[in-house]
PDB file of all heavy atoms in Angstrom:
ATOM      1  N   THR A   1      54.630  -3.007-181.131  1.00  0.00           N
ATOM      2  CA  THR A   1      54.789  -3.358-179.721  1.00  0.00           C
ATOM      3  C   THR A   1      54.307  -2.172-178.883  1.00  0.00           C
ATOM      4  O   THR A   1      54.164  -1.054-179.396  1.00  0.00           O
ATOM      5  CB  THR A   1      56.260  -3.652-179.384  1.00  0.00           C
ATOM      6  OG1 THR A   1      57.018  -2.432-179.494  1.00  0.00           O
ATOM      7  CG2 THR A   1      56.841  -4.700-180.336  1.00  0.00           C
ATOM      8  N   PRO A   2      54.072  -2.377-177.585  1.00  0.00           N
ATOM      9  CA  PRO A   2      53.628  -1.257-176.745  1.00  0.00           C
ATOM     10  C   PRO A   2      54.573  -0.062-176.758  1.00  0.00           C
ATOM     11  O   PRO A   2      54.150   1.071-176.549  1.00  0.00           O
ATOM     12  CB  PRO A   2      53.557  -1.885-175.348  1.00  0.00           C
ATOM     13  CG  PRO A   2      53.235  -3.313-175.610  1.00  0.00           C
ATOM     14  CD  PRO A   2      54.005  -3.656-176.853  1.00  0.00           C
ATOM     15  N   ALA A   3      55.860  -0.296-177.040  1.00  0.00           N
ATOM     16  CA  ALA A   3      56.830   0.808-177.060  1.00  0.00           C
ATOM     17  C   ALA A   3      56.712   1.666-178.313  1.00  0.00           C
ATOM     18  O   ALA A   3      57.223   2.789-178.341  1.00  0.00           O
ATOM     19  CB  ALA A   3      58.250   0.249-176.947  1.00  0.00           C
ATOM     20  N   ASP A   4      56.052   1.158-179.343  1.00  0.00           N
ATOM     21  CA  ASP A   4      55.935   1.906-180.597  1.00  0.00           C
ATOM     22  C   ASP A   4      54.877   2.998-180.484  1.00  0.00           C
ATOM     23  O   ASP A   4      53.887   2.864-179.763  1.00  0.00           O
ATOM     24  CB  ASP A   4      55.540   0.972-181.745  1.00  0.00           C
ATOM     25  CG  ASP A   4      56.642  -0.014-182.090  1.00  0.00           C
ATOM     26  OD1 ASP A   4      57.811   0.396-182.088  1.00  0.00           O
ATOM     27  OD2 ASP A   4      56.320  -1.188-182.350  1.00  0.00           O
ATOM     28  N   HIS A   5      55.088   4.074-181.246  1.00  0.00           N
ATOM     29  CA  HIS A   5      54.047   5.086-181.395  1.00  0.00           C
ATOM     30  C   HIS A   5      53.015   4.574-182.401  1.00  0.00           C
ATOM     31  O   HIS A   5      53.327   3.743-183.255  1.00  0.00           O
ATOM     32  CB  HIS A   5      54.636   6.415-181.866  1.00  0.00           C
ATOM     33  CG  HIS A   5      55.281   7.191-180.759  1.00  0.00           C
ATOM     34  ND1 HIS A   5      56.459   6.787-180.168  1.00  0.00           N
ATOM     35  CD2 HIS A   5      54.913   8.333-180.120  1.00  0.00           C
ATOM     36  CE1 HIS A   5      56.788   7.651-179.220  1.00  0.00           C
ATOM     37  NE2 HIS A   5      55.875   8.595-179.172  1.00  0.00           N
ATOM     38  N   ILE A   6      51.807   5.081-182.274  1.00  0.00           N
ATOM     39  CA  ILE A   6      50.763   4.692-183.216  1.00  0.00           C
ATOM     40  C   ILE A   6      51.217   5.093-184.619  1.00  0.00           C
ATOM     41  O   ILE A   6      51.576   6.251-184.851  1.00  0.00           O
ATOM     42  CB  ILE A   6      49.424   5.364-182.857  1.00  0.00           C
ATOM     43  CG1 ILE A   6      48.929   4.819-181.499  1.00  0.00           C
ATOM     44  CG2 ILE A   6      48.377   5.117-183.930  1.00  0.00           C
ATOM     45  CD1 ILE A   6      47.648   5.449-180.998  1.00  0.00           C
ATOM     46  N   PRO A   7      51.244   4.158-185.563  1.00  0.00           N
ATOM     47  CA  PRO A   7      51.798   4.436-186.898  1.00  0.00           C
ATOM     48  C   PRO A   7      51.094   5.589-187.600  1.00  0.00           C
ATOM     49  O   PRO A   7      49.879   5.791-187.452  1.00  0.00           O
ATOM     50  CB  PRO A   7      51.584   3.116-187.653  1.00  0.00           C
ATOM     51  CG  PRO A   7      51.481   2.081-186.589  1.00  0.00           C
ATOM     52  CD  PRO A   7      50.810   2.761-185.428  1.00  0.00           C
ATOM     53  N   ALA A   8      51.873   6.347-188.358  1.00  0.00           N
ATOM     54  CA  ALA A   8      51.321   7.459-189.125  1.00  0.00           C
ATOM     55  C   ALA A   8      50.423   6.930-190.241  1.00  0.00           C
ATOM     56  O   ALA A   8      50.615   5.824-190.745  1.00  0.00           O
ATOM     57  CB  ALA A   8      52.440   8.304-189.719  1.00  0.00           C
ATOM     58  N   VAL A   9      49.445   7.723-190.600  1.00  0.00           N
ATOM     59  CA  VAL A   9      48.504   7.358-191.667  1.00  0.00           C
ATOM     60  C   VAL A   9      48.945   8.039-192.958  1.00  0.00           C
ATOM     61  O   VAL A   9      49.184   9.254-192.975  1.00  0.00           O
ATOM     62  CB  VAL A   9      47.066   7.793-191.306  1.00  0.00           C
ATOM     63  CG1 VAL A   9      46.111   7.490-192.458  1.00  0.00           C
ATOM     64  CG2 VAL A   9      46.602   7.096-190.032  1.00  0.00           C
ATOM     65  N   TYR A  10      49.042   7.279-194.016  1.00  0.00           N
ATOM     66  CA  TYR A  10      49.370   7.840-195.332  1.00  0.00           C
ATOM     67  C   TYR A  10      48.084   7.873-196.150  1.00  0.00           C
ATOM     68  O   TYR A  10      47.630   6.864-196.668  1.00  0.00           O
ATOM     69  CB  TYR A  10      50.461   7.005-196.013  1.00  0.00           C
ATOM     70  CG  TYR A  10      51.746   7.015-195.242  1.00  0.00           C
ATOM     71  CD1 TYR A  10      52.057   5.987-194.362  1.00  0.00           C
ATOM     72  CD2 TYR A  10      52.634   8.084-195.376  1.00  0.00           C
ATOM     73  CE1 TYR A  10      53.238   6.018-193.625  1.00  0.00           C
ATOM     74  CE2 TYR A  10      53.814   8.114-194.641  1.00  0.00           C
ATOM     75  CZ  TYR A  10      54.106   7.078-193.767  1.00  0.00           C
ATOM     76  OH  TYR A  10      55.272   7.116-193.024  1.00  0.00           O
ATOM     77  N   TYR A  11      47.488   9.070-196.200  1.00  0.00           N
ATOM     78  CA  TYR A  11      46.169   9.226-196.812  1.00  0.00           C
ATOM     79  C   TYR A  11      46.287   9.301-198.324  1.00  0.00           C
ATOM     80  O   TYR A  11      47.043  10.117-198.862  1.00  0.00           O
ATOM     81  CB  TYR A  11      45.524  10.499-196.262  1.00  0.00           C
ATOM     82  CG  TYR A  11      44.112  10.736-196.743  1.00  0.00           C
ATOM     83  CD1 TYR A  11      43.090   9.843-196.452  1.00  0.00           C
ATOM     84  CD2 TYR A  11      43.796  11.879-197.480  1.00  0.00           C
ATOM     85  CE1 TYR A  11      41.802  10.062-196.878  1.00  0.00           C
ATOM     86  CE2 TYR A  11      42.504  12.112-197.910  1.00  0.00           C
ATOM     87  CZ  TYR A  11      41.511  11.196-197.607  1.00  0.00           C
ATOM     88  OH  TYR A  11      40.237  11.424-198.040  1.00  0.00           O
ATOM     89  N   ALA A  12      45.543   8.441-198.998  1.00  0.00           N
ATOM     90  CA  ALA A  12      45.647   8.365-200.464  1.00  0.00           C
ATOM     91  C   ALA A  12      44.682   9.304-201.182  1.00  0.00           C
ATOM     92  O   ALA A  12      44.777   9.490-202.393  1.00  0.00           O
ATOM     93  CB  ALA A  12      45.383   6.933-200.927  1.00  0.00           C
ATOM     94  N   GLY A  13      43.758   9.911-200.435  1.00  0.00           N
ATOM     95  CA  GLY A  13      42.775  10.788-201.072  1.00  0.00           C
ATOM     96  C   GLY A  13      43.302  12.197-201.256  1.00  0.00           C
ATOM     97  O   GLY A  13      44.491  12.479-201.097  1.00  0.00           O
ATOM     98  N   THR A  14      42.393  13.114-201.599  1.00  0.00           N
ATOM     99  CA  THR A  14      42.777  14.513-201.773  1.00  0.00           C
ATOM    100  C   THR A  14      42.847  15.201-200.415  1.00  0.00           C
ATOM    101  O   THR A  14      42.183  14.808-199.469  1.00  0.00           O
ATOM    102  CB  THR A  14      41.757  15.248-202.652  1.00  0.00           C
ATOM    103  OG1 THR A  14      40.455  15.130-202.049  1.00  0.00           O
ATOM    104  CG2 THR A  14      41.710  14.643-204.040  1.00  0.00           C
ATOM    105  N   GLY A  15      43.677  16.219-200.333  1.00  0.00           N
ATOM    106  CA  GLY A  15      43.810  16.942-199.076  1.00  0.00           C
ATOM    107  C   GLY A  15      44.870  16.321-198.185  1.00  0.00           C
ATOM    108  O   GLY A  15      45.496  15.317-198.520  1.00  0.00           O
ATOM    109  N   ASN A  16      45.055  16.926-197.028  1.00  0.00           N
ATOM    110  CA  ASN A  16      46.065  16.461-196.079  1.00  0.00           C
ATOM    111  C   ASN A  16      45.468  16.476-194.679  1.00  0.00           C
ATOM    112  O   ASN A  16      45.626  17.453-193.942  1.00  0.00           O
ATOM    113  CB  ASN A  16      47.303  17.366-196.155  1.00  0.00           C
ATOM    114  CG  ASN A  16      48.430  16.872-195.288  1.00  0.00           C
ATOM    115  OD1 ASN A  16      48.522  15.674-194.995  1.00  0.00           O
ATOM    116  ND2 ASN A  16      49.285  17.779-194.858  1.00  0.00           N
ATOM    117  N   PRO A  17      44.778  15.410-194.278  1.00  0.00           N
ATOM    118  CA  PRO A  17      44.148  15.384-192.955  1.00  0.00           C
ATOM    119  C   PRO A  17      45.171  15.617-191.850  1.00  0.00           C
ATOM    120  O   PRO A  17      46.242  15.000-191.859  1.00  0.00           O
ATOM    121  CB  PRO A  17      43.575  13.955-192.880  1.00  0.00           C
ATOM    122  CG  PRO A  17      43.399  13.538-194.299  1.00  0.00           C
ATOM    123  CD  PRO A  17      44.545  14.169-195.032  1.00  0.00           C
ATOM    124  N   PRO A  18      44.889  16.504-190.909  1.00  0.00           N
ATOM    125  CA  PRO A  18      45.876  16.826-189.865  1.00  0.00           C
ATOM    126  C   PRO A  18      46.045  15.687-188.865  1.00  0.00           C
ATOM    127  O   PRO A  18      45.134  14.887-188.646  1.00  0.00           O
ATOM    128  CB  PRO A  18      45.265  18.062-189.191  1.00  0.00           C
ATOM    129  CG  PRO A  18      43.793  17.899-189.392  1.00  0.00           C
ATOM    130  CD  PRO A  18      43.652  17.282-190.756  1.00  0.00           C
ATOM    131  N   ASP A  19      47.235  15.627-188.279  1.00  0.00           N
ATOM    132  CA  ASP A  19      47.463  14.714-187.155  1.00  0.00           C
ATOM    133  C   ASP A  19      46.634  15.224-185.974  1.00  0.00           C
ATOM    134  O   ASP A  19      46.566  16.425-185.725  1.00  0.00           O
ATOM    135  CB  ASP A  19      48.951  14.705-186.800  1.00  0.00           C
ATOM    136  CG  ASP A  19      49.259  13.767-185.646  1.00  0.00           C
ATOM    137  OD1 ASP A  19      49.536  12.582-185.904  1.00  0.00           O
ATOM    138  OD2 ASP A  19      49.215  14.225-184.487  1.00  0.00           O
ATOM    139  N   LEU A  20      46.015  14.311-185.239  1.00  0.00           N
ATOM    140  CA  LEU A  20      45.085  14.713-184.179  1.00  0.00           C
ATOM    141  C   LEU A  20      45.688  14.702-182.778  1.00  0.00           C
ATOM    142  O   LEU A  20      44.990  14.987-181.812  1.00  0.00           O
ATOM    143  CB  LEU A  20      43.851  13.786-184.195  1.00  0.00           C
ATOM    144  CG  LEU A  20      43.006  13.806-185.469  1.00  0.00           C
ATOM    145  CD1 LEU A  20      41.802  12.881-185.315  1.00  0.00           C
ATOM    146  CD2 LEU A  20      42.537  15.218-185.800  1.00  0.00           C
ATOM    147  N   SER A  21      46.978  14.405-182.679  1.00  0.00           N
ATOM    148  CA  SER A  21      47.597  14.287-181.358  1.00  0.00           C
ATOM    149  C   SER A  21      47.383  15.538-180.502  1.00  0.00           C
ATOM    150  O   SER A  21      47.099  15.447-179.309  1.00  0.00           O
ATOM    151  CB  SER A  21      49.096  14.018-181.491  1.00  0.00           C
ATOM    152  OG  SER A  21      49.351  12.896-182.283  1.00  0.00           O
ATOM    153  N   LEU A  22      47.541  16.710-181.108  1.00  0.00           N
ATOM    154  CA  LEU A  22      47.476  17.975-180.363  1.00  0.00           C
ATOM    155  C   LEU A  22      46.353  18.879-180.864  1.00  0.00           C
ATOM    156  O   LEU A  22      46.376  20.082-180.622  1.00  0.00           O
ATOM    157  CB  LEU A  22      48.815  18.707-180.472  1.00  0.00           C
ATOM    158  CG  LEU A  22      50.051  17.938-179.988  1.00  0.00           C
ATOM    159  CD1 LEU A  22      51.309  18.737-180.289  1.00  0.00           C
ATOM    160  CD2 LEU A  22      49.960  17.644-178.509  1.00  0.00           C
ATOM    161  N   ILE A  23      45.373  18.305-181.546  1.00  0.00           N
ATOM    162  CA  ILE A  23      44.353  19.126-182.201  1.00  0.00           C
ATOM    163  C   ILE A  23      43.565  19.983-181.213  1.00  0.00           C
ATOM    164  O   ILE A  23      43.190  21.116-181.533  1.00  0.00           O
ATOM    165  CB  ILE A  23      43.387  18.246-183.033  1.00  0.00           C
ATOM    166  CG1 ILE A  23      42.552  19.096-183.979  1.00  0.00           C
ATOM    167  CG2 ILE A  23      42.518  17.384-182.141  1.00  0.00           C
ATOM    168  CD1 ILE A  23      43.339  19.754-185.079  1.00  0.00           C
ATOM    169  N   THR A  24      43.322  19.495-180.001  1.00  0.00           N
ATOM    170  CA  THR A  24      42.521  20.282-179.063  1.00  0.00           C
ATOM    171  C   THR A  24      43.321  21.426-178.442  1.00  0.00           C
ATOM    172  O   THR A  24      42.739  22.322-177.829  1.00  0.00           O
ATOM    173  CB  THR A  24      41.939  19.403-177.936  1.00  0.00           C
ATOM    174  OG1 THR A  24      43.006  18.755-177.236  1.00  0.00           O
ATOM    175  CG2 THR A  24      40.994  18.359-178.507  1.00  0.00           C
ATOM    176  N   LYS A  25      44.644  21.389-178.592  1.00  0.00           N
ATOM    177  CA  LYS A  25      45.463  22.528-178.162  1.00  0.00           C
ATOM    178  C   LYS A  25      45.725  23.480-179.311  1.00  0.00           C
ATOM    179  O   LYS A  25      46.038  24.650-179.101  1.00  0.00           O
ATOM    180  CB  LYS A  25      46.797  22.036-177.586  1.00  0.00           C
ATOM    181  CG  LYS A  25      46.662  21.222-176.313  1.00  0.00           C
ATOM    182  CD  LYS A  25      47.995  20.916-175.690  1.00  0.00           C
ATOM    183  CE  LYS A  25      48.582  22.131-175.008  1.00  0.00           C
ATOM    184  NZ  LYS A  25      49.793  21.793-174.218  1.00  0.00           N
ATOM    185  N   ALA A  26      45.574  22.978-180.527  1.00  0.00           N
ATOM    186  CA  ALA A  26      45.827  23.804-181.711  1.00  0.00           C
ATOM    187  C   ALA A  26      44.599  24.603-182.124  1.00  0.00           C
ATOM    188  O   ALA A  26      44.690  25.468-182.997  1.00  0.00           O
ATOM    189  CB  ALA A  26      46.268  22.925-182.878  1.00  0.00           C
ATOM    190  N   ARG A  27      43.454  24.338-181.526  1.00  0.00           N
ATOM    191  CA  ARG A  27      42.217  25.044-181.860  1.00  0.00           C
ATOM    192  C   ARG A  27      41.666  25.725-180.618  1.00  0.00           C
ATOM    193  O   ARG A  27      41.711  25.169-179.519  1.00  0.00           O
ATOM    194  CB  ARG A  27      41.160  24.071-182.422  1.00  0.00           C
ATOM    195  CG  ARG A  27      41.588  23.345-183.696  1.00  0.00           C
ATOM    196  CD  ARG A  27      41.706  24.278-184.883  1.00  0.00           C
ATOM    197  NE  ARG A  27      41.993  23.547-186.116  1.00  0.00           N
ATOM    198  CZ  ARG A  27      43.213  23.256-186.556  1.00  0.00           C
ATOM    199  NH1 ARG A  27      44.279  23.631-185.843  1.00  0.00           N
ATOM    200  NH2 ARG A  27      43.385  22.594-187.685  1.00  0.00           N
ATOM    201  N   HIS A  28      41.121  26.925-180.812  1.00  0.00           N
ATOM    202  CA  HIS A  28      40.498  27.652-179.705  1.00  0.00           C
ATOM    203  C   HIS A  28      39.303  26.846-179.197  1.00  0.00           C
ATOM    204  O   HIS A  28      38.514  26.334-179.981  1.00  0.00           O
ATOM    205  CB  HIS A  28      40.048  29.033-180.185  1.00  0.00           C
ATOM    206  CG  HIS A  28      39.415  29.863-179.114  1.00  0.00           C
ATOM    207  ND1 HIS A  28      40.072  30.217-177.954  1.00  0.00           N
ATOM    208  CD2 HIS A  28      38.169  30.396-179.016  1.00  0.00           C
ATOM    209  CE1 HIS A  28      39.278  30.937-177.200  1.00  0.00           C
ATOM    210  NE2 HIS A  28      38.116  31.060-177.809  1.00  0.00           N
ATOM    211  N   GLU A  29      39.199  26.722-177.866  1.00  0.00           N
ATOM    212  CA  GLU A  29      38.145  25.902-177.261  1.00  0.00           C
ATOM    213  C   GLU A  29      38.171  24.497-177.871  1.00  0.00           C
ATOM    214  O   GLU A  29      37.167  23.998-178.357  1.00  0.00           O
ATOM    215  CB  GLU A  29      36.775  26.547-177.447  1.00  0.00           C
ATOM    216  CG  GLU A  29      36.635  27.904-176.766  1.00  0.00           C
ATOM    217  CD  GLU A  29      35.263  28.533-176.971  1.00  0.00           C
ATOM    218  OE1 GLU A  29      35.027  29.094-178.058  1.00  0.00           O
ATOM    219  OE2 GLU A  29      34.431  28.441-176.049  1.00  0.00           O
ATOM    220  N   GLY A  30      39.353  23.888-177.803  1.00  0.00           N
ATOM    221  CA  GLY A  30      39.614  22.631-178.498  1.00  0.00           C
ATOM    222  C   GLY A  30      38.576  21.535-178.376  1.00  0.00           C
ATOM    223  O   GLY A  30      38.038  21.081-179.395  1.00  0.00           O
ATOM    224  N   PRO A  31      38.256  21.050-177.174  1.00  0.00           N
ATOM    225  CA  PRO A  31      37.268  19.969-177.057  1.00  0.00           C
ATOM    226  C   PRO A  31      35.904  20.357-177.620  1.00  0.00           C
ATOM    227  O   PRO A  31      35.261  19.562-178.313  1.00  0.00           O
ATOM    228  CB  PRO A  31      37.184  19.723-175.545  1.00  0.00           C
ATOM    229  CG  PRO A  31      38.458  20.259-174.999  1.00  0.00           C
ATOM    230  CD  PRO A  31      38.825  21.423-175.867  1.00  0.00           C
ATOM    231  N   GLU A  32      35.493  21.585-177.324  1.00  0.00           N
ATOM    232  CA  GLU A  32      34.198  22.059-177.827  1.00  0.00           C
ATOM    233  C   GLU A  32      34.230  22.189-179.354  1.00  0.00           C
ATOM    234  O   GLU A  32      33.236  21.921-180.029  1.00  0.00           O
ATOM    235  CB  GLU A  32      33.850  23.408-177.194  1.00  0.00           C
ATOM    236  CG  GLU A  32      33.558  23.366-175.710  1.00  0.00           C
ATOM    237  CD  GLU A  32      34.811  23.356-174.845  1.00  0.00           C
ATOM    238  OE1 GLU A  32      35.934  23.464-175.415  1.00  0.00           O
ATOM    239  OE2 GLU A  32      34.675  23.234-173.618  1.00  0.00           O
ATOM    240  N   TYR A  33      35.391  22.622-179.875  1.00  0.00           N
ATOM    241  CA  TYR A  33      35.537  22.756-181.330  1.00  0.00           C
ATOM    242  C   TYR A  33      35.398  21.395-182.006  1.00  0.00           C
ATOM    243  O   TYR A  33      34.680  21.253-183.007  1.00  0.00           O
ATOM    244  CB  TYR A  33      36.890  23.380-181.663  1.00  0.00           C
ATOM    245  CG  TYR A  33      37.253  23.288-183.134  1.00  0.00           C
ATOM    246  CD1 TYR A  33      36.729  24.193-184.057  1.00  0.00           C
ATOM    247  CD2 TYR A  33      38.096  22.287-183.603  1.00  0.00           C
ATOM    248  CE1 TYR A  33      37.045  24.101-185.405  1.00  0.00           C
ATOM    249  CE2 TYR A  33      38.415  22.186-184.948  1.00  0.00           C
ATOM    250  CZ  TYR A  33      37.887  23.099-185.852  1.00  0.00           C
ATOM    251  OH  TYR A  33      38.189  22.985-187.177  1.00  0.00           O
ATOM    252  N   VAL A  34      36.093  20.384-181.488  1.00  0.00           N
ATOM    253  CA  VAL A  34      36.028  19.045-182.082  1.00  0.00           C
ATOM    254  C   VAL A  34      34.591  18.523-182.035  1.00  0.00           C
ATOM    255  O   VAL A  34      34.071  18.011-183.040  1.00  0.00           O
ATOM    256  CB  VAL A  34      36.973  18.074-181.340  1.00  0.00           C
ATOM    257  CG1 VAL A  34      36.746  16.641-181.812  1.00  0.00           C
ATOM    258  CG2 VAL A  34      38.417  18.478-181.571  1.00  0.00           C
ATOM    259  N   TYR A  35      33.944  18.667-180.902  1.00  0.00           N
ATOM    260  CA  TYR A  35      32.557  18.199-180.769  1.00  0.00           C
ATOM    261  C   TYR A  35      31.635  18.938-181.743  1.00  0.00           C
ATOM    262  O   TYR A  35      30.820  18.316-182.443  1.00  0.00           O
ATOM    263  CB  TYR A  35      32.069  18.400-179.335  1.00  0.00           C
ATOM    264  CG  TYR A  35      30.583  18.193-179.178  1.00  0.00           C
ATOM    265  CD1 TYR A  35      30.042  16.915-179.058  1.00  0.00           C
ATOM    266  CD2 TYR A  35      29.704  19.279-179.163  1.00  0.00           C
ATOM    267  CE1 TYR A  35      28.679  16.725-178.935  1.00  0.00           C
ATOM    268  CE2 TYR A  35      28.347  19.102-179.046  1.00  0.00           C
ATOM    269  CZ  TYR A  35      27.835  17.822-178.929  1.00  0.00           C
ATOM    270  OH  TYR A  35      26.482  17.630-178.821  1.00  0.00           O
ATOM    271  N   SER A  36      31.773  20.255-181.797  1.00  0.00           N
ATOM    272  CA  SER A  36      30.899  21.060-182.653  1.00  0.00           C
ATOM    273  C   SER A  36      31.110  20.736-184.123  1.00  0.00           C
ATOM    274  O   SER A  36      30.149  20.647-184.897  1.00  0.00           O
ATOM    275  CB  SER A  36      31.150  22.553-182.400  1.00  0.00           C
ATOM    276  OG  SER A  36      30.904  22.889-181.057  1.00  0.00           O
ATOM    277  N   LEU A  37      32.371  20.567-184.518  1.00  0.00           N
ATOM    278  CA  LEU A  37      32.669  20.254-185.916  1.00  0.00           C
ATOM    279  C   LEU A  37      32.049  18.919-186.314  1.00  0.00           C
ATOM    280  O   LEU A  37      31.436  18.792-187.373  1.00  0.00           O
ATOM    281  CB  LEU A  37      34.177  20.218-186.133  1.00  0.00           C
ATOM    282  CG  LEU A  37      34.637  20.014-187.575  1.00  0.00           C
ATOM    283  CD1 LEU A  37      34.403  21.287-188.387  1.00  0.00           C
ATOM    284  CD2 LEU A  37      36.112  19.631-187.632  1.00  0.00           C
ATOM    285  N   LEU A  38      32.184  17.919-185.446  1.00  0.00           N
ATOM    286  CA  LEU A  38      31.691  16.581-185.778  1.00  0.00           C
ATOM    287  C   LEU A  38      30.169  16.509-185.809  1.00  0.00           C
ATOM    288  O   LEU A  38      29.598  15.649-186.482  1.00  0.00           O
ATOM    289  CB  LEU A  38      32.230  15.563-184.768  1.00  0.00           C
ATOM    290  CG  LEU A  38      33.742  15.331-184.814  1.00  0.00           C
ATOM    291  CD1 LEU A  38      34.168  14.395-183.684  1.00  0.00           C
ATOM    292  CD2 LEU A  38      34.160  14.757-186.161  1.00  0.00           C
ATOM    293  N   THR A  39      29.512  17.392-185.068  1.00  0.00           N
ATOM    294  CA  THR A  39      28.049  17.372-185.027  1.00  0.00           C
ATOM    295  C   THR A  39      27.423  18.522-185.804  1.00  0.00           C
ATOM    296  O   THR A  39      26.203  18.698-185.778  1.00  0.00           O
ATOM    297  CB  THR A  39      27.552  17.444-183.564  1.00  0.00           C
ATOM    298  OG1 THR A  39      28.040  18.653-182.951  1.00  0.00           O
ATOM    299  CG2 THR A  39      28.032  16.247-182.756  1.00  0.00           C
ATOM    300  N   GLY A  40      28.255  19.320-186.510  1.00  0.00           N
ATOM    301  CA  GLY A  40      27.748  20.549-187.122  1.00  0.00           C
ATOM    302  C   GLY A  40      27.443  20.496-188.602  1.00  0.00           C
ATOM    303  O   GLY A  40      27.079  21.517-189.194  1.00  0.00           O
ATOM    304  N   TYR A  41      27.567  19.332-189.234  1.00  0.00           N
ATOM    305  CA  TYR A  41      27.287  19.242-190.675  1.00  0.00           C
ATOM    306  C   TYR A  41      25.812  19.537-190.940  1.00  0.00           C
ATOM    307  O   TYR A  41      24.926  19.080-190.211  1.00  0.00           O
ATOM    308  CB  TYR A  41      27.645  17.853-191.196  1.00  0.00           C
ATOM    309  CG  TYR A  41      29.124  17.604-191.283  1.00  0.00           C
ATOM    310  CD1 TYR A  41      29.834  17.143-190.179  1.00  0.00           C
ATOM    311  CD2 TYR A  41      29.832  17.844-192.457  1.00  0.00           C
ATOM    312  CE1 TYR A  41      31.199  16.914-190.243  1.00  0.00           C
ATOM    313  CE2 TYR A  41      31.203  17.618-192.535  1.00  0.00           C
ATOM    314  CZ  TYR A  41      31.874  17.155-191.421  1.00  0.00           C
ATOM    315  OH  TYR A  41      33.234  16.938-191.488  1.00  0.00           O
TER     316      TYR A  41
END
């Protein structure tokens, strides 16, 4: 329902993908970091 939070993801693969709710505050130059990472492969 609209009152619910977006359900957590239970990743079955290797590693532990981080929750992205606060990722741009958890990284220096957050928005630029996310953009650069996604386009930097």
